[in-house]
């Protein structure tokens, strides 16, 4: 399995360490860099959705950018590599060799999204849109107070129902599921 570790001051210094594979959706915040330390390098996020695979014992680090941009810097390098939407970057740690290729099909870009889905300070509305896309559902948010809310959660491997239960618990909402139509009612009011 994958492990993610971070310090208690994560809200102030958005730095974590990943061993394994995870999908991230990170909102751009110029005052707080989002950094992922890996065995063999680091990724700095410029506000994006991307996947990282850095498995223990593997000589390869794989990063696929779905939206936005990230930079990758290997250990010992001073200059990072800029990766944009649709880029798949492979770093061979043994050979110190990089390869970037373009991934065009949504299926290629999304094949791992169902395994690891992690949101960090992501707007409530954006998370609902991602859930709609992944599960082919239509979500109606009846409370306008939720628009200012942000979600930080790991939905890795969870079903639609499990995700909605967690959201209901955290935001004091009620999710009614009727086939592929979901209505989210009530809830907390969040400041923008």
N, C-alpha and C. Protein backbone atom coordinates (compact mmCIF):
# COMPACT_ATOMS: atom_id res chain seq x y z
N UNK A 1 0.81 -1.19 0.00
CA UNK A 1 0.00 0.00 0.00
C UNK A 1 0.85 1.25 0.00
N UNK A 2 0.20 2.35 -0.21
CA UNK A 2 0.86 3.66 -0.24
C UNK A 2 0.85 4.29 1.14
N UNK A 3 1.89 5.07 1.43
CA UNK A 3 1.91 5.82 2.68
C UNK A 3 2.24 7.28 2.38
N UNK A 4 1.52 8.15 3.08
CA UNK A 4 1.77 9.59 3.00
C UNK A 4 1.99 10.07 4.42
N UNK A 5 3.09 10.78 4.63
CA UNK A 5 3.35 11.35 5.95
C UNK A 5 3.51 12.85 5.81
N UNK A 6 3.08 13.56 6.86
CA UNK A 6 3.20 15.01 6.88
C UNK A 6 3.31 15.47 8.32
N UNK A 7 3.85 16.67 8.51
CA UNK A 7 4.05 17.22 9.84
C UNK A 7 2.76 17.81 10.39
N UNK A 8 2.75 18.07 11.70
CA UNK A 8 1.59 18.68 12.34
C UNK A 8 1.30 20.08 11.82
N UNK A 9 2.31 20.74 11.28
CA UNK A 9 2.13 22.11 10.78
C UNK A 9 1.80 22.14 9.29
N UNK A 10 1.14 21.09 8.78
CA UNK A 10 0.84 20.97 7.35
C UNK A 10 0.04 22.16 6.82
N UNK A 11 -0.86 22.71 7.63
CA UNK A 11 -1.65 23.87 7.19
C UNK A 11 -0.76 25.08 6.89
N UNK A 12 0.38 25.17 7.57
CA UNK A 12 1.30 26.29 7.36
C UNK A 12 2.36 25.97 6.30
N UNK A 13 2.92 24.76 6.38
CA UNK A 13 3.96 24.32 5.44
C UNK A 13 3.45 23.07 4.75
N UNK A 14 2.97 23.21 3.54
CA UNK A 14 2.33 22.10 2.83
C UNK A 14 3.39 21.19 2.20
N UNK A 15 4.02 20.40 3.08
CA UNK A 15 5.07 19.47 2.65
C UNK A 15 4.70 18.08 3.14
N UNK A 16 4.78 17.10 2.23
CA UNK A 16 4.50 15.72 2.63
C UNK A 16 5.48 14.78 1.95
N UNK A 17 5.52 13.55 2.42
CA UNK A 17 6.36 12.51 1.83
C UNK A 17 5.46 11.39 1.36
N UNK A 18 5.70 10.93 0.13
CA UNK A 18 4.90 9.85 -0.46
C UNK A 18 5.78 8.65 -0.74
N UNK A 19 5.29 7.49 -0.34
CA UNK A 19 5.90 6.22 -0.72
C UNK A 19 4.76 5.39 -1.28
N UNK A 20 4.70 5.25 -2.59
CA UNK A 20 3.61 4.53 -3.23
C UNK A 20 3.03 5.34 -4.37
N UNK A 21 1.70 5.31 -4.49
CA UNK A 21 1.02 6.01 -5.57
C UNK A 21 -0.16 6.77 -5.02
N UNK A 22 -0.38 7.99 -5.53
CA UNK A 22 -1.52 8.80 -5.09
C UNK A 22 -1.90 9.80 -6.17
N UNK A 23 -3.18 10.14 -6.19
CA UNK A 23 -3.70 11.17 -7.08
C UNK A 23 -3.98 12.40 -6.22
N UNK A 24 -3.53 13.57 -6.68
CA UNK A 24 -3.71 14.81 -5.93
C UNK A 24 -4.48 15.82 -6.76
N UNK A 25 -5.28 16.63 -6.06
CA UNK A 25 -5.95 17.77 -6.66
C UNK A 25 -5.65 18.94 -5.73
N UNK A 26 -4.77 19.83 -6.16
CA UNK A 26 -4.25 20.87 -5.27
C UNK A 26 -4.59 22.26 -5.83
N UNK A 27 -5.14 23.11 -4.98
CA UNK A 27 -5.46 24.48 -5.37
C UNK A 27 -4.21 25.33 -5.23
N UNK A 28 -3.99 26.18 -6.23
CA UNK A 28 -2.83 27.07 -6.23
C UNK A 28 -2.91 28.05 -5.07
N UNK A 29 -1.82 28.18 -4.34
CA UNK A 29 -1.70 29.15 -3.27
C UNK A 29 -0.27 29.68 -3.30
N UNK A 30 -0.06 30.88 -3.88
CA UNK A 30 1.31 31.39 -4.02
C UNK A 30 2.02 31.62 -2.69
N UNK A 31 1.27 31.71 -1.60
CA UNK A 31 1.88 31.94 -0.28
C UNK A 31 2.31 30.64 0.39
N UNK A 32 1.77 29.51 -0.08
CA UNK A 32 2.08 28.22 0.53
C UNK A 32 2.36 27.19 -0.56
N UNK A 33 3.62 26.88 -0.76
CA UNK A 33 4.02 25.86 -1.73
C UNK A 33 3.51 24.50 -1.27
N UNK A 34 3.10 23.68 -2.20
CA UNK A 34 2.73 22.29 -1.92
C UNK A 34 3.83 21.42 -2.48
N UNK A 35 4.50 20.69 -1.61
CA UNK A 35 5.67 19.92 -2.01
C UNK A 35 5.52 18.47 -1.58
N UNK A 36 5.88 17.55 -2.49
CA UNK A 36 5.85 16.13 -2.19
C UNK A 36 7.28 15.61 -2.30
N UNK A 37 7.81 15.13 -1.19
CA UNK A 37 9.15 14.54 -1.18
C UNK A 37 9.04 13.06 -1.52
N UNK A 38 9.92 12.61 -2.40
CA UNK A 38 9.94 11.23 -2.86
C UNK A 38 11.33 10.66 -2.65
N UNK A 39 11.45 9.36 -2.65
CA UNK A 39 12.76 8.72 -2.62
C UNK A 39 13.38 8.91 -4.00
N UNK A 40 14.21 9.92 -4.15
CA UNK A 40 14.84 10.20 -5.44
C UNK A 40 14.48 11.55 -6.02
N UNK A 41 13.68 12.33 -5.34
CA UNK A 41 13.34 13.65 -5.88
C UNK A 41 12.20 14.31 -5.13
N UNK A 42 11.71 15.39 -5.73
CA UNK A 42 10.59 16.13 -5.13
C UNK A 42 9.74 16.74 -6.23
N UNK A 43 8.46 16.93 -5.91
CA UNK A 43 7.53 17.56 -6.83
C UNK A 43 6.98 18.80 -6.14
N UNK A 44 7.02 19.93 -6.84
CA UNK A 44 6.41 21.17 -6.34
C UNK A 44 5.19 21.45 -7.22
N UNK A 45 4.10 21.79 -6.58
CA UNK A 45 2.82 21.93 -7.25
C UNK A 45 2.51 23.40 -7.48
N UNK A 46 2.01 23.68 -8.67
CA UNK A 46 1.64 25.03 -9.04
C UNK A 46 0.13 25.14 -9.20
N UNK A 47 -0.64 24.28 -8.52
CA UNK A 47 -2.09 24.27 -8.59
C UNK A 47 -2.55 23.36 -9.72
N UNK A 48 -2.95 22.13 -9.41
CA UNK A 48 -3.15 21.15 -10.47
C UNK A 48 -3.80 19.87 -9.97
N UNK A 49 -4.05 18.97 -10.91
CA UNK A 49 -4.43 17.58 -10.62
C UNK A 49 -3.39 16.69 -11.28
N UNK A 50 -2.87 15.74 -10.52
CA UNK A 50 -1.80 14.90 -11.07
C UNK A 50 -1.69 13.61 -10.27
N UNK A 51 -1.03 12.63 -10.86
CA UNK A 51 -0.79 11.35 -10.21
C UNK A 51 0.72 11.19 -10.01
N UNK A 52 1.09 10.56 -8.91
CA UNK A 52 2.50 10.26 -8.63
C UNK A 52 2.60 8.79 -8.27
N UNK A 53 3.59 8.12 -8.86
CA UNK A 53 3.88 6.73 -8.50
C UNK A 53 5.37 6.67 -8.14
N UNK A 54 5.64 6.42 -6.86
CA UNK A 54 7.01 6.31 -6.36
C UNK A 54 7.03 5.13 -5.39
N UNK A 55 7.02 3.94 -5.93
CA UNK A 55 6.88 2.73 -5.13
C UNK A 55 8.20 2.35 -4.47
N UNK A 56 8.11 1.87 -3.24
CA UNK A 56 9.30 1.45 -2.50
C UNK A 56 9.99 0.33 -3.27
N UNK A 57 11.31 0.42 -3.41
CA UNK A 57 12.08 -0.59 -4.10
C UNK A 57 12.12 -0.43 -5.61
N UNK A 58 11.34 0.50 -6.15
CA UNK A 58 11.33 0.72 -7.60
C UNK A 58 12.40 1.74 -7.97
N UNK A 59 12.99 1.57 -9.14
CA UNK A 59 13.99 2.52 -9.63
C UNK A 59 13.36 3.65 -10.42
N UNK A 60 12.03 3.66 -10.50
CA UNK A 60 11.34 4.61 -11.35
C UNK A 60 10.36 5.47 -10.56
N UNK A 61 10.29 6.75 -10.92
CA UNK A 61 9.26 7.66 -10.42
C UNK A 61 8.46 8.08 -11.64
N UNK A 62 7.13 7.98 -11.53
CA UNK A 62 6.24 8.30 -12.64
C UNK A 62 5.26 9.37 -12.19
N UNK A 63 5.15 10.46 -12.95
CA UNK A 63 4.21 11.54 -12.66
C UNK A 63 3.40 11.84 -13.92
N UNK A 64 2.09 11.89 -13.78
CA UNK A 64 1.20 12.22 -14.89
C UNK A 64 0.37 13.43 -14.50
N UNK A 65 0.42 14.49 -15.31
CA UNK A 65 -0.29 15.73 -15.02
C UNK A 65 -1.62 15.73 -15.79
N UNK A 66 -2.74 15.81 -15.04
CA UNK A 66 -4.07 15.82 -15.64
C UNK A 66 -4.49 17.25 -15.97
N UNK A 67 -4.26 18.16 -15.04
CA UNK A 67 -4.59 19.58 -15.22
C UNK A 67 -3.49 20.41 -14.58
N UNK A 68 -3.22 21.60 -15.14
CA UNK A 68 -2.28 22.53 -14.54
C UNK A 68 -0.83 22.19 -14.81
N UNK A 69 0.04 22.51 -13.83
CA UNK A 69 1.49 22.33 -13.97
C UNK A 69 2.10 21.89 -12.65
N UNK A 70 3.18 21.11 -12.75
CA UNK A 70 4.01 20.77 -11.60
C UNK A 70 5.46 20.85 -12.04
N UNK A 71 6.37 20.90 -11.08
CA UNK A 71 7.79 20.77 -11.41
C UNK A 71 8.32 19.54 -10.69
N UNK A 72 9.31 18.89 -11.33
CA UNK A 72 9.98 17.75 -10.72
C UNK A 72 11.46 18.07 -10.66
N UNK A 73 12.06 17.81 -9.48
CA UNK A 73 13.49 18.01 -9.32
C UNK A 73 14.06 16.76 -8.67
N UNK A 74 15.04 16.15 -9.33
CA UNK A 74 15.65 14.94 -8.76
C UNK A 74 16.68 15.34 -7.71
N UNK A 75 17.01 14.39 -6.83
CA UNK A 75 18.01 14.64 -5.80
C UNK A 75 19.32 15.05 -6.47
N UNK A 76 19.92 16.11 -5.99
CA UNK A 76 21.20 16.57 -6.51
C UNK A 76 21.10 17.55 -7.66
N UNK A 77 19.92 17.68 -8.27
CA UNK A 77 19.74 18.64 -9.37
C UNK A 77 19.34 19.99 -8.80
N UNK A 78 19.80 21.05 -9.45
CA UNK A 78 19.41 22.39 -9.00
C UNK A 78 18.29 22.96 -9.86
N UNK A 79 18.10 22.41 -11.06
CA UNK A 79 17.09 22.95 -11.98
C UNK A 79 15.93 21.96 -12.12
N UNK A 80 14.70 22.39 -11.77
CA UNK A 80 13.55 21.50 -11.91
C UNK A 80 13.06 21.43 -13.35
N UNK A 81 12.32 20.35 -13.66
CA UNK A 81 11.70 20.14 -14.96
C UNK A 81 10.23 20.55 -14.84
N UNK A 82 9.75 21.40 -15.76
CA UNK A 82 8.36 21.83 -15.75
C UNK A 82 7.51 20.83 -16.53
N UNK A 83 6.43 20.37 -15.90
CA UNK A 83 5.51 19.41 -16.53
C UNK A 83 4.14 20.06 -16.64
N UNK A 84 3.50 19.91 -17.79
CA UNK A 84 2.21 20.53 -18.04
C UNK A 84 1.15 19.47 -18.31
N UNK A 85 -0.09 19.91 -18.42
CA UNK A 85 -1.24 19.04 -18.67
C UNK A 85 -0.92 18.04 -19.79
N UNK A 86 -1.18 16.78 -19.52
CA UNK A 86 -0.98 15.74 -20.52
C UNK A 86 0.43 15.18 -20.57
N UNK A 87 1.36 15.73 -19.77
CA UNK A 87 2.73 15.19 -19.73
C UNK A 87 2.79 14.01 -18.77
N UNK A 88 3.48 12.98 -19.19
CA UNK A 88 3.80 11.87 -18.30
C UNK A 88 5.32 11.82 -18.21
N UNK A 89 5.82 11.99 -17.00
CA UNK A 89 7.26 12.09 -16.74
C UNK A 89 7.73 10.84 -16.03
N UNK A 90 8.82 10.26 -16.52
CA UNK A 90 9.43 9.11 -15.87
C UNK A 90 10.87 9.46 -15.51
N UNK A 91 11.25 9.18 -14.27
CA UNK A 91 12.62 9.40 -13.81
C UNK A 91 13.20 8.05 -13.41
N UNK A 92 14.26 7.65 -14.08
CA UNK A 92 14.98 6.41 -13.77
C UNK A 92 16.07 6.79 -12.77
N UNK A 93 15.90 6.38 -11.52
CA UNK A 93 16.84 6.76 -10.45
C UNK A 93 18.21 6.13 -10.65
N UNK A 94 18.25 4.90 -11.16
CA UNK A 94 19.53 4.21 -11.36
C UNK A 94 20.37 4.86 -12.44
N UNK A 95 19.73 5.21 -13.55
CA UNK A 95 20.44 5.77 -14.71
C UNK A 95 20.46 7.30 -14.70
N UNK A 96 19.77 7.92 -13.73
CA UNK A 96 19.62 9.39 -13.69
C UNK A 96 19.14 9.92 -15.05
N UNK A 97 18.10 9.27 -15.57
CA UNK A 97 17.60 9.61 -16.89
C UNK A 97 16.11 9.94 -16.83
N UNK A 98 15.74 11.04 -17.51
CA UNK A 98 14.35 11.48 -17.55
C UNK A 98 13.74 11.22 -18.92
N UNK A 99 12.44 10.99 -18.91
CA UNK A 99 11.70 10.83 -20.16
C UNK A 99 10.34 11.51 -19.99
N UNK A 100 9.95 12.35 -20.95
CA UNK A 100 8.64 12.99 -20.94
C UNK A 100 7.91 12.58 -22.20
N UNK A 101 6.68 12.09 -22.02
CA UNK A 101 5.87 11.79 -23.19
C UNK A 101 4.48 12.39 -23.01
N UNK A 102 3.82 12.62 -24.11
CA UNK A 102 2.48 13.20 -24.12
C UNK A 102 1.46 12.08 -24.03
N UNK A 103 0.51 12.20 -23.10
CA UNK A 103 -0.58 11.26 -22.96
C UNK A 103 -1.83 11.97 -23.45
N UNK A 104 -2.47 11.43 -24.47
CA UNK A 104 -3.60 12.13 -25.07
C UNK A 104 -4.96 11.63 -24.64
N UNK A 105 -5.11 10.35 -24.36
CA UNK A 105 -6.45 9.84 -24.11
C UNK A 105 -6.83 9.98 -22.65
N UNK A 106 -8.07 10.39 -22.38
CA UNK A 106 -8.54 10.50 -21.00
C UNK A 106 -8.44 9.18 -20.24
N UNK A 107 -8.61 8.04 -20.93
CA UNK A 107 -8.53 6.75 -20.24
C UNK A 107 -7.13 6.53 -19.72
N UNK A 108 -6.10 6.86 -20.52
CA UNK A 108 -4.73 6.72 -20.05
C UNK A 108 -4.47 7.64 -18.86
N UNK A 109 -5.00 8.85 -18.92
CA UNK A 109 -4.75 9.82 -17.86
C UNK A 109 -5.52 9.49 -16.59
N UNK A 110 -6.61 8.75 -16.71
CA UNK A 110 -7.47 8.54 -15.54
C UNK A 110 -7.46 7.11 -15.02
N UNK A 111 -6.68 6.21 -15.59
CA UNK A 111 -6.75 4.81 -15.21
C UNK A 111 -6.43 4.58 -13.73
N UNK A 112 -5.62 5.44 -13.12
CA UNK A 112 -5.24 5.27 -11.71
C UNK A 112 -6.08 6.13 -10.79
N UNK A 113 -6.93 6.97 -11.33
CA UNK A 113 -7.67 7.92 -10.50
C UNK A 113 -8.59 7.25 -9.51
N UNK A 114 -9.06 6.06 -9.82
CA UNK A 114 -10.00 5.41 -8.93
C UNK A 114 -9.32 4.82 -7.71
N UNK A 115 -8.02 4.59 -7.78
CA UNK A 115 -7.29 3.99 -6.68
C UNK A 115 -6.97 5.02 -5.59
N UNK A 116 -6.48 6.17 -5.98
CA UNK A 116 -6.02 7.16 -5.01
C UNK A 116 -6.56 8.53 -5.41
N UNK A 117 -7.47 9.05 -4.62
CA UNK A 117 -8.08 10.34 -4.89
C UNK A 117 -7.94 11.19 -3.64
N UNK A 118 -7.02 12.16 -3.68
CA UNK A 118 -6.70 12.97 -2.52
C UNK A 118 -6.95 14.44 -2.86
N UNK A 119 -7.68 15.12 -1.98
CA UNK A 119 -7.95 16.55 -2.15
C UNK A 119 -7.28 17.31 -1.01
N UNK A 120 -6.66 18.42 -1.34
CA UNK A 120 -6.01 19.28 -0.34
C UNK A 120 -6.53 20.70 -0.52
N UNK A 121 -7.29 21.17 0.47
CA UNK A 121 -7.87 22.52 0.45
C UNK A 121 -8.54 22.82 -0.90
N UNK A 122 -9.30 21.85 -1.40
CA UNK A 122 -9.96 21.97 -2.70
C UNK A 122 -11.39 22.46 -2.48
N UNK A 123 -11.83 23.46 -3.25
CA UNK A 123 -13.20 23.98 -3.08
C UNK A 123 -14.25 22.86 -3.21
N UNK A 124 -15.25 22.94 -2.36
CA UNK A 124 -16.34 21.96 -2.29
C UNK A 124 -16.93 21.70 -3.67
N UNK A 125 -17.22 22.78 -4.40
CA UNK A 125 -17.84 22.67 -5.73
C UNK A 125 -16.94 21.87 -6.68
N UNK A 126 -15.64 22.12 -6.63
CA UNK A 126 -14.71 21.42 -7.52
C UNK A 126 -14.65 19.92 -7.20
N UNK A 127 -14.69 19.58 -5.91
CA UNK A 127 -14.69 18.17 -5.51
C UNK A 127 -15.96 17.50 -6.03
N UNK A 128 -17.09 18.18 -5.92
CA UNK A 128 -18.36 17.61 -6.40
C UNK A 128 -18.29 17.37 -7.92
N UNK A 129 -17.67 18.29 -8.66
CA UNK A 129 -17.54 18.11 -10.11
C UNK A 129 -16.67 16.90 -10.44
N UNK A 130 -15.58 16.71 -9.67
CA UNK A 130 -14.72 15.55 -9.88
C UNK A 130 -15.48 14.25 -9.61
N UNK A 131 -16.25 14.26 -8.51
CA UNK A 131 -17.04 13.08 -8.17
C UNK A 131 -18.07 12.79 -9.26
N UNK A 132 -18.71 13.86 -9.78
CA UNK A 132 -19.66 13.68 -10.89
C UNK A 132 -18.98 13.00 -12.08
N UNK A 133 -17.79 13.50 -12.44
CA UNK A 133 -17.07 12.96 -13.60
C UNK A 133 -16.66 11.51 -13.39
N UNK A 134 -16.17 11.19 -12.22
CA UNK A 134 -15.67 9.85 -11.94
C UNK A 134 -16.82 8.83 -11.92
N UNK A 135 -17.94 9.19 -11.29
CA UNK A 135 -19.02 8.24 -11.11
C UNK A 135 -20.17 8.42 -12.10
N UNK A 136 -20.05 9.41 -12.99
CA UNK A 136 -21.11 9.64 -13.97
C UNK A 136 -22.42 10.04 -13.31
N UNK A 137 -22.32 10.80 -12.23
CA UNK A 137 -23.49 11.22 -11.46
C UNK A 137 -23.80 12.69 -11.71
N UNK A 138 -24.99 13.08 -11.29
CA UNK A 138 -25.38 14.50 -11.35
C UNK A 138 -25.64 14.95 -9.92
N UNK A 139 -24.84 15.92 -9.45
CA UNK A 139 -24.95 16.37 -8.06
C UNK A 139 -25.56 17.76 -8.02
N UNK A 140 -26.59 17.91 -7.21
CA UNK A 140 -27.23 19.21 -6.99
C UNK A 140 -26.96 19.60 -5.55
N UNK A 141 -26.34 20.77 -5.36
CA UNK A 141 -26.05 21.28 -4.02
C UNK A 141 -27.11 22.32 -3.70
N UNK A 142 -27.95 22.00 -2.72
CA UNK A 142 -29.08 22.88 -2.42
C UNK A 142 -28.71 24.00 -1.45
N UNK A 143 -27.59 23.89 -0.76
CA UNK A 143 -27.16 24.92 0.18
C UNK A 143 -26.03 25.75 -0.43
N UNK A 144 -26.28 27.02 -0.63
CA UNK A 144 -25.26 27.93 -1.19
C UNK A 144 -24.13 28.17 -0.17
N UNK A 145 -24.37 27.91 1.11
CA UNK A 145 -23.36 28.11 2.14
C UNK A 145 -22.16 27.19 1.99
N UNK A 146 -22.33 26.09 1.26
CA UNK A 146 -21.23 25.14 1.08
C UNK A 146 -20.22 25.60 0.04
N UNK A 147 -20.58 26.59 -0.78
CA UNK A 147 -19.71 27.04 -1.87
C UNK A 147 -18.35 27.55 -1.38
N UNK A 148 -18.29 28.07 -0.17
CA UNK A 148 -17.03 28.57 0.38
C UNK A 148 -16.22 27.50 1.10
N UNK A 149 -16.76 26.30 1.22
CA UNK A 149 -16.08 25.22 1.95
C UNK A 149 -14.96 24.63 1.12
N UNK A 150 -13.94 24.13 1.81
CA UNK A 150 -12.82 23.44 1.16
C UNK A 150 -12.70 22.05 1.78
N UNK A 151 -12.31 21.10 0.94
CA UNK A 151 -12.20 19.71 1.38
C UNK A 151 -10.74 19.28 1.36
N UNK A 152 -10.30 18.71 2.48
CA UNK A 152 -9.00 18.05 2.56
C UNK A 152 -9.30 16.64 3.03
N UNK A 153 -9.16 15.68 2.10
CA UNK A 153 -9.51 14.31 2.44
C UNK A 153 -8.85 13.34 1.47
N UNK A 154 -8.72 12.12 1.93
CA UNK A 154 -8.21 11.02 1.11
C UNK A 154 -9.39 10.09 0.83
N UNK A 155 -9.89 10.11 -0.40
CA UNK A 155 -11.00 9.26 -0.80
C UNK A 155 -10.51 8.00 -1.53
N UNK A 156 -9.26 7.64 -1.32
CA UNK A 156 -8.65 6.51 -2.02
C UNK A 156 -9.47 5.23 -1.84
N UNK A 157 -9.86 4.64 -2.96
CA UNK A 157 -10.54 3.35 -2.94
C UNK A 157 -11.95 3.36 -2.40
N UNK A 158 -12.51 4.54 -2.12
CA UNK A 158 -13.85 4.61 -1.53
C UNK A 158 -14.92 4.61 -2.62
N UNK A 159 -16.07 4.07 -2.26
CA UNK A 159 -17.21 4.10 -3.17
C UNK A 159 -17.85 5.49 -3.11
N UNK A 160 -18.76 5.73 -4.04
CA UNK A 160 -19.50 7.00 -4.04
C UNK A 160 -20.23 7.19 -2.72
N UNK A 161 -20.87 6.14 -2.25
CA UNK A 161 -21.63 6.22 -0.99
C UNK A 161 -20.72 6.54 0.19
N UNK A 162 -19.53 5.92 0.22
CA UNK A 162 -18.58 6.18 1.31
C UNK A 162 -18.09 7.62 1.29
N UNK A 163 -17.82 8.14 0.09
CA UNK A 163 -17.39 9.53 -0.03
C UNK A 163 -18.48 10.48 0.48
N UNK A 164 -19.71 10.23 0.07
CA UNK A 164 -20.81 11.09 0.48
C UNK A 164 -21.07 11.01 1.98
N UNK A 165 -20.93 9.83 2.57
CA UNK A 165 -21.08 9.69 4.02
C UNK A 165 -20.04 10.53 4.76
N UNK A 166 -18.80 10.49 4.27
CA UNK A 166 -17.73 11.29 4.90
C UNK A 166 -18.02 12.78 4.77
N UNK A 167 -18.46 13.21 3.58
CA UNK A 167 -18.80 14.62 3.36
C UNK A 167 -19.96 15.02 4.26
N UNK A 168 -20.98 14.15 4.36
CA UNK A 168 -22.12 14.44 5.24
C UNK A 168 -21.67 14.62 6.68
N UNK A 169 -20.77 13.76 7.13
CA UNK A 169 -20.28 13.82 8.51
C UNK A 169 -19.50 15.11 8.76
N UNK A 170 -18.59 15.44 7.87
CA UNK A 170 -17.72 16.61 8.06
C UNK A 170 -18.49 17.93 7.93
N UNK A 171 -19.37 18.00 6.94
CA UNK A 171 -20.03 19.28 6.66
C UNK A 171 -21.48 19.34 7.16
N UNK A 172 -21.91 18.32 7.91
CA UNK A 172 -23.26 18.26 8.47
C UNK A 172 -24.33 18.40 7.38
N UNK A 173 -24.12 17.68 6.28
CA UNK A 173 -25.06 17.70 5.17
C UNK A 173 -25.85 16.40 5.15
N UNK A 174 -26.85 16.35 4.27
CA UNK A 174 -27.63 15.14 4.02
C UNK A 174 -27.59 14.88 2.54
N UNK A 175 -27.05 13.76 2.13
CA UNK A 175 -26.99 13.40 0.71
C UNK A 175 -28.07 12.38 0.41
N UNK A 176 -28.93 12.73 -0.54
CA UNK A 176 -29.97 11.81 -0.99
C UNK A 176 -29.57 11.31 -2.36
N UNK A 177 -29.45 9.99 -2.49
CA UNK A 177 -29.04 9.39 -3.77
C UNK A 177 -30.26 8.72 -4.39
N UNK A 178 -30.56 9.12 -5.61
CA UNK A 178 -31.65 8.53 -6.38
C UNK A 178 -31.07 8.16 -7.73
N UNK A 179 -30.65 6.90 -7.87
CA UNK A 179 -29.98 6.42 -9.07
C UNK A 179 -28.69 7.22 -9.24
N UNK A 180 -28.52 7.94 -10.33
CA UNK A 180 -27.30 8.72 -10.57
C UNK A 180 -27.51 10.20 -10.24
N UNK A 181 -28.62 10.53 -9.58
CA UNK A 181 -28.88 11.92 -9.16
C UNK A 181 -28.68 12.02 -7.66
N UNK A 182 -27.88 12.99 -7.26
CA UNK A 182 -27.55 13.17 -5.85
C UNK A 182 -27.93 14.59 -5.44
N UNK A 183 -28.65 14.70 -4.33
CA UNK A 183 -29.01 16.02 -3.80
C UNK A 183 -28.33 16.17 -2.44
N UNK A 184 -27.56 17.26 -2.30
CA UNK A 184 -26.88 17.53 -1.02
C UNK A 184 -27.61 18.70 -0.36
N UNK A 185 -28.13 18.44 0.84
CA UNK A 185 -28.96 19.42 1.54
C UNK A 185 -28.30 19.83 2.86
N UNK A 186 -28.67 21.03 3.33
CA UNK A 186 -28.22 21.50 4.64
C UNK A 186 -26.74 21.76 4.67
N UNK A 187 -26.17 21.67 5.86
CA UNK A 187 -24.73 21.78 5.99
C UNK A 187 -24.25 23.08 6.59
N UNK A 188 -22.96 23.11 6.81
CA UNK A 188 -22.29 24.26 7.39
C UNK A 188 -22.18 25.39 6.38
N UNK A 189 -22.01 26.60 6.86
CA UNK A 189 -21.72 27.74 6.00
C UNK A 189 -20.24 28.04 6.16
N UNK A 190 -19.53 28.07 5.06
CA UNK A 190 -18.08 28.30 5.09
C UNK A 190 -17.75 29.66 4.47
N UNK A 191 -16.75 30.31 5.03
CA UNK A 191 -16.27 31.58 4.49
C UNK A 191 -15.37 31.31 3.29
N UNK A 192 -15.37 32.20 2.34
CA UNK A 192 -14.45 32.07 1.18
C UNK A 192 -13.06 32.43 1.58
